[in-house]
Full PDB file with SEQRES, HELIX, SHEET, SSBOND, CRYST1, ORIGX, SCALE, CONECT and MASTER records, all heavy atoms in Angstrom:
SEQRES   1 A   34  VAL THR ALA ARG MET VAL PHE SER THR GLY ARG ASP ALA          
SEQRES   2 A   34  ALA TRP PRO SER PRO VAL SER LYS ALA LEU ALA ALA ILE          
SEQRES   3 A   34  HIS PRO LYS PHE GLY SER PRO TRP                              
HELIX    1 AA1 THR A    2  ARG A   11  1                                  10    
HELIX    2 AA2 SER A   17  LEU A   23  1                                   7    
CRYST1    1.000    1.000    1.000  90.00  90.00  90.00 P 1           1          
ORIGX1      1.000000  0.000000  0.000000        0.00000                         
ORIGX2      0.000000  1.000000  0.000000        0.00000                         
ORIGX3      0.000000  0.000000  1.000000        0.00000                         
SCALE1      1.000000  0.000000  0.000000        0.00000                         
SCALE2      0.000000  1.000000  0.000000        0.00000                         
SCALE3      0.000000  0.000000  1.000000        0.00000                         
ATOM      1  N   VAL A   1       7.945   6.061   7.926  1.00  0.00           N  
ATOM      2  CA  VAL A   1       7.422   5.052   8.845  1.00  0.00           C  
ATOM      3  C   VAL A   1       5.937   4.814   8.602  1.00  0.00           C  
ATOM      4  O   VAL A   1       5.482   3.677   8.400  1.00  0.00           O  
ATOM      5  CB  VAL A   1       7.662   5.485  10.307  1.00  0.00           C  
ATOM      6  CG1 VAL A   1       6.847   4.629  11.265  1.00  0.00           C  
ATOM      7  CG2 VAL A   1       9.139   5.412  10.655  1.00  0.00           C  
ATOM      8  N   THR A   2       5.172   5.885   8.628  1.00  0.00           N  
ATOM      9  CA  THR A   2       3.720   5.777   8.527  1.00  0.00           C  
ATOM     10  C   THR A   2       3.291   5.218   7.177  1.00  0.00           C  
ATOM     11  O   THR A   2       2.331   4.434   7.094  1.00  0.00           O  
ATOM     12  CB  THR A   2       3.060   7.150   8.759  1.00  0.00           C  
ATOM     13  OG1 THR A   2       3.569   7.706   9.974  1.00  0.00           O  
ATOM     14  CG2 THR A   2       1.552   7.029   8.856  1.00  0.00           C  
ATOM     15  N   ALA A   3       3.992   5.592   6.116  1.00  0.00           N  
ATOM     16  CA  ALA A   3       3.655   5.094   4.787  1.00  0.00           C  
ATOM     17  C   ALA A   3       3.767   3.579   4.723  1.00  0.00           C  
ATOM     18  O   ALA A   3       2.971   2.908   4.052  1.00  0.00           O  
ATOM     19  CB  ALA A   3       4.552   5.738   3.736  1.00  0.00           C  
ATOM     20  N   ARG A   4       4.737   3.018   5.423  1.00  0.00           N  
ATOM     21  CA  ARG A   4       4.882   1.566   5.414  1.00  0.00           C  
ATOM     22  C   ARG A   4       3.756   0.889   6.176  1.00  0.00           C  
ATOM     23  O   ARG A   4       3.307  -0.194   5.790  1.00  0.00           O  
ATOM     24  CB  ARG A   4       6.255   1.180   5.972  1.00  0.00           C  
ATOM     25  CG  ARG A   4       7.303   1.269   4.876  1.00  0.00           C  
ATOM     26  CD  ARG A   4       8.611   1.856   5.264  1.00  0.00           C  
ATOM     27  NE  ARG A   4       9.462   1.957   4.068  1.00  0.00           N  
ATOM     28  CZ  ARG A   4       9.427   2.980   3.194  1.00  0.00           C  
ATOM     29  NH1 ARG A   4       8.609   4.001   3.409  1.00  0.00           N  
ATOM     30  NH2 ARG A   4      10.210   2.996   2.128  1.00  0.00           N  
ATOM     31  N   MET A   5       3.285   1.507   7.242  1.00  0.00           N  
ATOM     32  CA  MET A   5       2.130   0.955   7.927  1.00  0.00           C  
ATOM     33  C   MET A   5       0.893   1.034   7.042  1.00  0.00           C  
ATOM     34  O   MET A   5       0.114   0.079   6.949  1.00  0.00           O  
ATOM     35  CB  MET A   5       1.872   1.704   9.238  1.00  0.00           C  
ATOM     36  CG  MET A   5       0.655   1.184   9.981  1.00  0.00           C  
ATOM     37  SD  MET A   5       0.234   2.214  11.388  1.00  0.00           S  
ATOM     38  CE  MET A   5      -0.106   3.762  10.585  1.00  0.00           C  
ATOM     39  N   VAL A   6       0.693   2.193   6.383  1.00  0.00           N  
ATOM     40  CA  VAL A   6      -0.457   2.352   5.498  1.00  0.00           C  
ATOM     41  C   VAL A   6      -0.383   1.346   4.353  1.00  0.00           C  
ATOM     42  O   VAL A   6      -1.391   0.740   3.963  1.00  0.00           O  
ATOM     43  CB  VAL A   6      -0.523   3.802   4.962  1.00  0.00           C  
ATOM     44  CG1 VAL A   6      -1.617   3.940   3.913  1.00  0.00           C  
ATOM     45  CG2 VAL A   6      -0.771   4.776   6.116  1.00  0.00           C  
ATOM     46  N   PHE A   7       0.821   1.144   3.809  1.00  0.00           N  
ATOM     47  CA  PHE A   7       1.030   0.118   2.779  1.00  0.00           C  
ATOM     48  C   PHE A   7       0.597  -1.251   3.292  1.00  0.00           C  
ATOM     49  O   PHE A   7      -0.095  -2.012   2.592  1.00  0.00           O  
ATOM     50  CB  PHE A   7       2.504   0.099   2.377  1.00  0.00           C  
ATOM     51  CG  PHE A   7       2.976  -1.196   1.785  1.00  0.00           C  
ATOM     52  CD1 PHE A   7       2.723  -1.496   0.455  1.00  0.00           C  
ATOM     53  CD2 PHE A   7       3.673  -2.111   2.554  1.00  0.00           C  
ATOM     54  CE1 PHE A   7       3.154  -2.701  -0.087  1.00  0.00           C  
ATOM     55  CE2 PHE A   7       4.111  -3.314   2.017  1.00  0.00           C  
ATOM     56  CZ  PHE A   7       3.850  -3.610   0.695  1.00  0.00           C  
ATOM     57  N   SER A   8       0.986  -1.560   4.520  1.00  0.00           N  
ATOM     58  CA  SER A   8       0.655  -2.862   5.094  1.00  0.00           C  
ATOM     59  C   SER A   8      -0.856  -3.035   5.259  1.00  0.00           C  
ATOM     60  O   SER A   8      -1.388  -4.125   5.039  1.00  0.00           O  
ATOM     61  CB  SER A   8       1.352  -3.036   6.446  1.00  0.00           C  
ATOM     62  OG  SER A   8       1.102  -4.308   6.986  1.00  0.00           O  
ATOM     63  N   THR A   9      -1.553  -1.963   5.626  1.00  0.00           N  
ATOM     64  CA  THR A   9      -3.014  -2.077   5.754  1.00  0.00           C  
ATOM     65  C   THR A   9      -3.659  -2.387   4.409  1.00  0.00           C  
ATOM     66  O   THR A   9      -4.643  -3.119   4.341  1.00  0.00           O  
ATOM     67  CB  THR A   9      -3.630  -0.774   6.314  1.00  0.00           C  
ATOM     68  OG1 THR A   9      -3.475   0.297   5.369  1.00  0.00           O  
ATOM     69  CG2 THR A   9      -3.002  -0.385   7.640  1.00  0.00           C  
ATOM     70  N   GLY A  10      -3.085  -1.830   3.341  1.00  0.00           N  
ATOM     71  CA  GLY A  10      -3.600  -2.158   2.017  1.00  0.00           C  
ATOM     72  C   GLY A  10      -3.309  -3.599   1.650  1.00  0.00           C  
ATOM     73  O   GLY A  10      -4.167  -4.315   1.132  1.00  0.00           O  
ATOM     74  N   ARG A  11      -2.098  -4.048   1.918  1.00  0.00           N  
ATOM     75  CA  ARG A  11      -1.723  -5.443   1.626  1.00  0.00           C  
ATOM     76  C   ARG A  11      -2.578  -6.416   2.426  1.00  0.00           C  
ATOM     77  O   ARG A  11      -2.916  -7.504   1.949  1.00  0.00           O  
ATOM     78  CB  ARG A  11      -0.246  -5.645   1.942  1.00  0.00           C  
ATOM     79  CG  ARG A  11       0.277  -7.021   1.569  1.00  0.00           C  
ATOM     80  CD  ARG A  11       1.772  -7.109   1.828  1.00  0.00           C  
ATOM     81  NE  ARG A  11       2.103  -6.894   3.234  1.00  0.00           N  
ATOM     82  CZ  ARG A  11       3.342  -6.786   3.705  1.00  0.00           C  
ATOM     83  NH1 ARG A  11       4.362  -6.832   2.854  1.00  0.00           N  
ATOM     84  NH2 ARG A  11       3.574  -6.603   4.969  1.00  0.00           N  
ATOM     85  N   ASP A  12      -2.948  -6.028   3.644  1.00  0.00           N  
ATOM     86  CA  ASP A  12      -3.793  -6.872   4.492  1.00  0.00           C  
ATOM     87  C   ASP A  12      -5.284  -6.705   4.211  1.00  0.00           C  
ATOM     88  O   ASP A  12      -6.110  -7.275   4.931  1.00  0.00           O  
ATOM     89  CB  ASP A  12      -3.529  -6.558   5.975  1.00  0.00           C  
ATOM     90  CG  ASP A  12      -2.157  -7.029   6.429  1.00  0.00           C  
ATOM     91  OD1 ASP A  12      -1.539  -7.849   5.719  1.00  0.00           O  
ATOM     92  OD2 ASP A  12      -1.693  -6.567   7.490  1.00  0.00           O  
ATOM     93  N   ALA A  13      -5.614  -5.883   3.187  1.00  0.00           N  
ATOM     94  CA  ALA A  13      -7.013  -5.683   2.773  1.00  0.00           C  
ATOM     95  C   ALA A  13      -7.879  -5.184   3.925  1.00  0.00           C  
ATOM     96  O   ALA A  13      -8.977  -5.683   4.163  1.00  0.00           O  
ATOM     97  CB  ALA A  13      -7.589  -6.967   2.183  1.00  0.00           C  
ATOM     98  N   ALA A  14      -7.384  -4.166   4.636  1.00  0.00           N  
ATOM     99  CA  ALA A  14      -8.160  -3.598   5.739  1.00  0.00           C  
ATOM    100  C   ALA A  14      -9.268  -2.687   5.246  1.00  0.00           C  
ATOM    101  O   ALA A  14     -10.190  -2.369   6.003  1.00  0.00           O  
ATOM    102  CB  ALA A  14      -7.235  -2.822   6.676  1.00  0.00           C  
ATOM    103  N   TRP A  15      -9.196  -2.260   3.989  1.00  0.00           N  
ATOM    104  CA  TRP A  15     -10.141  -1.287   3.448  1.00  0.00           C  
ATOM    105  C   TRP A  15     -10.885  -1.899   2.259  1.00  0.00           C  
ATOM    106  O   TRP A  15     -10.570  -3.021   1.840  1.00  0.00           O  
ATOM    107  CB  TRP A  15      -9.393  -0.018   3.024  1.00  0.00           C  
ATOM    108  CG  TRP A  15      -8.326   0.381   3.989  1.00  0.00           C  
ATOM    109  CD1 TRP A  15      -6.986   0.414   3.773  1.00  0.00           C  
ATOM    110  CD2 TRP A  15      -8.510   0.774   5.361  1.00  0.00           C  
ATOM    111  NE1 TRP A  15      -6.306   0.815   4.902  1.00  0.00           N  
ATOM    112  CE2 TRP A  15      -7.224   1.037   5.904  1.00  0.00           C  
ATOM    113  CE3 TRP A  15      -9.622   0.927   6.182  1.00  0.00           C  
ATOM    114  CZ2 TRP A  15      -7.033   1.449   7.222  1.00  0.00           C  
ATOM    115  CZ3 TRP A  15      -9.431   1.333   7.490  1.00  0.00           C  
ATOM    116  CH2 TRP A  15      -8.155   1.591   7.994  1.00  0.00           C  
ATOM    117  N   PRO A  16     -11.845  -1.186   1.692  1.00  0.00           N  
ATOM    118  CA  PRO A  16     -12.494  -1.680   0.467  1.00  0.00           C  
ATOM    119  C   PRO A  16     -11.450  -2.013  -0.599  1.00  0.00           C  
ATOM    120  O   PRO A  16     -10.395  -1.379  -0.674  1.00  0.00           O  
ATOM    121  CB  PRO A  16     -13.385  -0.511   0.042  1.00  0.00           C  
ATOM    122  CG  PRO A  16     -13.717   0.177   1.332  1.00  0.00           C  
ATOM    123  CD  PRO A  16     -12.476   0.064   2.168  1.00  0.00           C  
ATOM    124  N   SER A  17     -11.740  -2.993  -1.427  1.00  0.00           N  
ATOM    125  CA  SER A  17     -10.761  -3.563  -2.355  1.00  0.00           C  
ATOM    126  C   SER A  17      -9.998  -2.531  -3.201  1.00  0.00           C  
ATOM    127  O   SER A  17      -8.763  -2.590  -3.278  1.00  0.00           O  
ATOM    128  CB  SER A  17     -11.437  -4.580  -3.275  1.00  0.00           C  
ATOM    129  OG  SER A  17     -10.495  -5.151  -4.143  1.00  0.00           O  
ATOM    130  N   PRO A  18     -10.665  -1.558  -3.846  1.00  0.00           N  
ATOM    131  CA  PRO A  18      -9.904  -0.605  -4.668  1.00  0.00           C  
ATOM    132  C   PRO A  18      -8.916   0.217  -3.850  1.00  0.00           C  
ATOM    133  O   PRO A  18      -7.799   0.503  -4.310  1.00  0.00           O  
ATOM    134  CB  PRO A  18     -11.002   0.285  -5.280  1.00  0.00           C  
ATOM    135  CG  PRO A  18     -12.250  -0.515  -5.197  1.00  0.00           C  
ATOM    136  CD  PRO A  18     -12.118  -1.321  -3.951  1.00  0.00           C  
ATOM    137  N   VAL A  19      -9.326   0.606  -2.633  1.00  0.00           N  
ATOM    138  CA  VAL A  19      -8.444   1.395  -1.762  1.00  0.00           C  
ATOM    139  C   VAL A  19      -7.254   0.550  -1.319  1.00  0.00           C  
ATOM    140  O   VAL A  19      -6.094   0.988  -1.379  1.00  0.00           O  
ATOM    141  CB  VAL A  19      -9.209   1.934  -0.543  1.00  0.00           C  
ATOM    142  CG1 VAL A  19      -8.264   2.670   0.398  1.00  0.00           C  
ATOM    143  CG2 VAL A  19     -10.347   2.838  -0.983  1.00  0.00           C  
ATOM    144  N   SER A  20      -7.527  -0.675  -0.883  1.00  0.00           N  
ATOM    145  CA  SER A  20      -6.459  -1.560  -0.415  1.00  0.00           C  
ATOM    146  C   SER A  20      -5.453  -1.844  -1.522  1.00  0.00           C  
ATOM    147  O   SER A  20      -4.240  -1.818  -1.305  1.00  0.00           O  
ATOM    148  CB  SER A  20      -7.053  -2.872   0.100  1.00  0.00           C  
ATOM    149  OG  SER A  20      -7.782  -2.669   1.289  1.00  0.00           O  
ATOM    150  N   LYS A  21      -5.949  -2.108  -2.739  1.00  0.00           N  
ATOM    151  CA  LYS A  21      -5.054  -2.405  -3.856  1.00  0.00           C  
ATOM    152  C   LYS A  21      -4.151  -1.215  -4.167  1.00  0.00           C  
ATOM    153  O   LYS A  21      -2.957  -1.379  -4.431  1.00  0.00           O  
ATOM    154  CB  LYS A  21      -5.879  -2.782  -5.078  1.00  0.00           C  
ATOM    155  CG  LYS A  21      -5.026  -3.232  -6.264  1.00  0.00           C  
ATOM    156  CD  LYS A  21      -5.894  -3.690  -7.423  1.00  0.00           C  
ATOM    157  CE  LYS A  21      -5.033  -4.148  -8.601  1.00  0.00           C  
ATOM    158  NZ  LYS A  21      -5.869  -4.590  -9.754  1.00  0.00           N  
ATOM    159  N   ALA A  22      -4.714  -0.012  -4.129  1.00  0.00           N  
ATOM    160  CA  ALA A  22      -3.917   1.184  -4.409  1.00  0.00           C  
ATOM    161  C   ALA A  22      -2.848   1.392  -3.342  1.00  0.00           C  
ATOM    162  O   ALA A  22      -1.673   1.661  -3.655  1.00  0.00           O  
ATOM    163  CB  ALA A  22      -4.826   2.408  -4.501  1.00  0.00           C  
ATOM    164  N   LEU A  23      -3.225   1.257  -2.086  1.00  0.00           N  
ATOM    165  CA  LEU A  23      -2.275   1.486  -0.995  1.00  0.00           C  
ATOM    166  C   LEU A  23      -1.151   0.461  -0.980  1.00  0.00           C  
ATOM    167  O   LEU A  23      -0.055   0.737  -0.479  1.00  0.00           O  
ATOM    168  CB  LEU A  23      -3.003   1.479   0.348  1.00  0.00           C  
ATOM    169  CG  LEU A  23      -4.005   2.615   0.587  1.00  0.00           C  
ATOM    170  CD1 LEU A  23      -4.704   2.437   1.930  1.00  0.00           C  
ATOM    171  CD2 LEU A  23      -3.312   3.982   0.523  1.00  0.00           C  
ATOM    172  N   ALA A  24      -1.397  -0.713  -1.522  1.00  0.00           N  
ATOM    173  CA  ALA A  24      -0.381  -1.772  -1.539  1.00  0.00           C  
ATOM    174  C   ALA A  24       0.551  -1.693  -2.739  1.00  0.00           C  
ATOM    175  O   ALA A  24       1.434  -2.531  -2.893  1.00  0.00           O  
ATOM    176  CB  ALA A  24      -1.062  -3.142  -1.511  1.00  0.00           C  
ATOM    177  N   ALA A  25       0.377  -0.680  -3.576  1.00  0.00           N  
ATOM    178  CA  ALA A  25       1.207  -0.549  -4.773  1.00  0.00           C  
ATOM    179  C   ALA A  25       2.638  -0.170  -4.420  1.00  0.00           C  
ATOM    180  O   ALA A  25       2.877   0.637  -3.526  1.00  0.00           O  
ATOM    181  CB  ALA A  25       0.604   0.493  -5.717  1.00  0.00           C  
ATOM    182  N   ILE A  26       3.594  -0.746  -5.143  1.00  0.00           N  
ATOM    183  CA  ILE A  26       5.018  -0.445  -4.964  1.00  0.00           C  
ATOM    184  C   ILE A  26       5.545   0.188  -6.247  1.00  0.00           C  
ATOM    185  O   ILE A  26       5.281  -0.303  -7.344  1.00  0.00           O  
ATOM    186  CB  ILE A  26       5.809  -1.722  -4.622  1.00  0.00           C  
ATOM    187  CG1 ILE A  26       5.367  -2.262  -3.265  1.00  0.00           C  
ATOM    188  CG2 ILE A  26       7.315  -1.446  -4.627  1.00  0.00           C  
ATOM    189  CD1 ILE A  26       6.031  -3.561  -2.881  1.00  0.00           C  
ATOM    190  N   HIS A  27       6.281   1.281  -6.110  1.00  0.00           N  
ATOM    191  CA  HIS A  27       6.806   1.990  -7.270  1.00  0.00           C  
ATOM    192  C   HIS A  27       7.780   1.083  -8.035  1.00  0.00           C  
ATOM    193  O   HIS A  27       8.698   0.507  -7.431  1.00  0.00           O  
ATOM    194  CB  HIS A  27       7.517   3.274  -6.833  1.00  0.00           C  
ATOM    195  CG  HIS A  27       7.753   4.243  -7.944  1.00  0.00           C  
ATOM    196  ND1 HIS A  27       8.752   4.066  -8.874  1.00  0.00           N  
ATOM    197  CD2 HIS A  27       7.110   5.393  -8.293  1.00  0.00           C  
ATOM    198  CE1 HIS A  27       8.734   5.061  -9.741  1.00  0.00           C  
ATOM    199  NE2 HIS A  27       7.740   5.888  -9.416  1.00  0.00           N  
ATOM    200  N   PRO A  28       7.616   0.940  -9.347  1.00  0.00           N  
ATOM    201  CA  PRO A  28       8.456   0.007 -10.109  1.00  0.00           C  
ATOM    202  C   PRO A  28       9.929   0.387 -10.159  1.00  0.00           C  
ATOM    203  O   PRO A  28      10.784  -0.468 -10.343  1.00  0.00           O  
ATOM    204  CB  PRO A  28       7.828   0.047 -11.509  1.00  0.00           C  
ATOM    205  CG  PRO A  28       7.105   1.355 -11.581  1.00  0.00           C  
ATOM    206  CD  PRO A  28       6.617   1.615 -10.195  1.00  0.00           C  
ATOM    207  N   LYS A  29      10.256   1.679  -9.988  1.00  0.00           N  
ATOM    208  CA  LYS A  29      11.654   2.120 -10.039  1.00  0.00           C  
ATOM    209  C   LYS A  29      12.262   2.289  -8.657  1.00  0.00           C  
ATOM    210  O   LYS A  29      13.377   1.819  -8.392  1.00  0.00           O  
ATOM    211  CB  LYS A  29      11.752   3.446 -10.804  1.00  0.00           C  
ATOM    212  CG  LYS A  29      13.177   3.974 -10.913  1.00  0.00           C  
ATOM    213  CD  LYS A  29      13.242   5.262 -11.723  1.00  0.00           C  
ATOM    214  CE  LYS A  29      14.662   5.778 -11.842  1.00  0.00           C  
ATOM    215  NZ  LYS A  29      14.738   7.046 -12.622  1.00  0.00           N  
ATOM    216  N   PHE A  30      11.553   2.955  -7.743  1.00  0.00           N  
ATOM    217  CA  PHE A  30      12.112   3.271  -6.432  1.00  0.00           C  
ATOM    218  C   PHE A  30      11.868   2.184  -5.398  1.00  0.00           C  
ATOM    219  O   PHE A  30      12.488   2.194  -4.327  1.00  0.00           O  
ATOM    220  CB  PHE A  30      11.542   4.598  -5.922  1.00  0.00           C  
ATOM    221  CG  PHE A  30      11.777   5.751  -6.866  1.00  0.00           C  
ATOM    222  CD1 PHE A  30      10.720   6.544  -7.288  1.00  0.00           C  
ATOM    223  CD2 PHE A  30      13.040   6.037  -7.334  1.00  0.00           C  
ATOM    224  CE1 PHE A  30      10.921   7.602  -8.163  1.00  0.00           C  
ATOM    225  CE2 PHE A  30      13.267   7.095  -8.211  1.00  0.00           C  
ATOM    226  CZ  PHE A  30      12.197   7.881  -8.628  1.00  0.00           C  
ATOM    227  N   GLY A  31      10.945   1.270  -5.674  1.00  0.00           N  
ATOM    228  CA  GLY A  31      10.665   0.199  -4.722  1.00  0.00           C  
ATOM    229  C   GLY A  31       9.994   0.670  -3.459  1.00  0.00           C  
ATOM    230  O   GLY A  31      10.022  -0.017  -2.436  1.00  0.00           O  
ATOM    231  N   SER A  32       9.373   1.849  -3.491  1.00  0.00           N  
ATOM    232  CA  SER A  32       8.714   2.413  -2.307  1.00  0.00           C  
ATOM    233  C   SER A  32       7.202   2.242  -2.403  1.00  0.00           C  
ATOM    234  O   SER A  32       6.650   2.130  -3.506  1.00  0.00           O  
ATOM    235  CB  SER A  32       9.050   3.908  -2.189  1.00  0.00           C  
ATOM    236  OG  SER A  32       8.515   4.617  -3.308  1.00  0.00           O  
ATOM    237  N   PRO A  33       6.515   2.248  -1.265  1.00  0.00           N  
ATOM    238  CA  PRO A  33       5.043   2.219  -1.275  1.00  0.00           C  
ATOM    239  C   PRO A  33       4.514   3.604  -1.621  1.00  0.00           C  
ATOM    240  O   PRO A  33       4.047   4.353  -0.765  1.00  0.00           O  
ATOM    241  CB  PRO A  33       4.703   1.793   0.152  1.00  0.00           C  
ATOM    242  CG  PRO A  33       5.829   2.298   0.979  1.00  0.00           C  
ATOM    243  CD  PRO A  33       7.054   2.228   0.101  1.00  0.00           C  
ATOM    244  N   TRP A  34       4.548   3.964  -2.886  1.00  0.00           N  
ATOM    245  CA  TRP A  34       4.426   5.361  -3.297  1.00  0.00           C  
ATOM    246  C   TRP A  34       3.031   5.926  -3.101  1.00  0.00           C  
ATOM    247  O   TRP A  34       2.886   7.079  -2.666  1.00  0.00           O  
ATOM    248  CB  TRP A  34       4.905   5.537  -4.729  1.00  0.00           C  
ATOM    249  CG  TRP A  34       4.057   4.902  -5.792  1.00  0.00           C  
ATOM    250  CD1 TRP A  34       3.976   3.577  -6.088  1.00  0.00           C  
ATOM    251  CD2 TRP A  34       3.182   5.575  -6.697  1.00  0.00           C  
ATOM    252  NE1 TRP A  34       3.108   3.370  -7.121  1.00  0.00           N  
ATOM    253  CE2 TRP A  34       2.601   4.573  -7.523  1.00  0.00           C  
ATOM    254  CE3 TRP A  34       2.847   6.897  -6.912  1.00  0.00           C  
ATOM    255  CZ2 TRP A  34       1.693   4.876  -8.527  1.00  0.00           C  
ATOM    256  CZ3 TRP A  34       1.936   7.207  -7.915  1.00  0.00           C  
ATOM    257  CH2 TRP A  34       1.372   6.202  -8.705  1.00  0.00           C  
TER     258      TRP A  34                                                      
MASTER        0    0    0    2    0    0    0    6  257    1    0    3          
END                                                                             
Protein backbone atom coordinates (compact mmCIF):
# COMPACT_ATOMS: atom_id res chain seq x y z
CA VAL A 1 0.00 0.00 0.00
CA THR A 2 2.57 2.53 1.13
CA ALA A 3 4.89 1.87 -1.81
CA ARG A 4 2.12 2.87 -4.20
CA MET A 5 1.58 6.13 -2.36
CA VAL A 6 5.34 6.81 -2.39
CA PHE A 7 5.36 5.98 -6.12
CA SER A 8 2.55 8.48 -6.64
CA THR A 9 4.46 11.23 -4.83
CA GLY A 10 7.34 10.68 -7.22
CA ARG A 11 5.04 10.74 -10.25
CA ASP A 12 3.50 13.96 -8.92
CA ALA A 13 7.01 15.47 -8.49
CA ALA A 14 6.55 16.17 -4.78
CA TRP A 15 10.31 15.93 -4.20
CA PRO A 16 13.47 17.19 -5.92
CA SER A 17 13.60 15.95 -9.52
CA PRO A 18 16.14 13.08 -9.12
CA VAL A 19 14.27 11.70 -6.09
CA SER A 20 10.86 11.99 -7.76
CA LYS A 21 12.09 10.31 -10.96
CA ALA A 22 13.55 7.39 -9.00
CA LEU A 23 10.43 6.88 -6.90
CA ALA A 24 8.24 6.87 -10.01
CA ALA A 25 10.20 4.03 -11.63
CA ILE A 26 8.31 0.84 -12.53
CA HIS A 27 10.09 -2.52 -12.70
CA PRO A 28 10.23 -3.64 -16.37
CA LYS A 29 9.44 -7.29 -15.52
CA PHE A 30 7.22 -7.23 -12.41
CA GLY A 31 5.38 -3.99 -13.16
CA SER A 32 5.80 -2.86 -9.55
CA PRO A 33 6.99 0.50 -8.19
CA TRP A 34 10.21 -1.19 -7.13
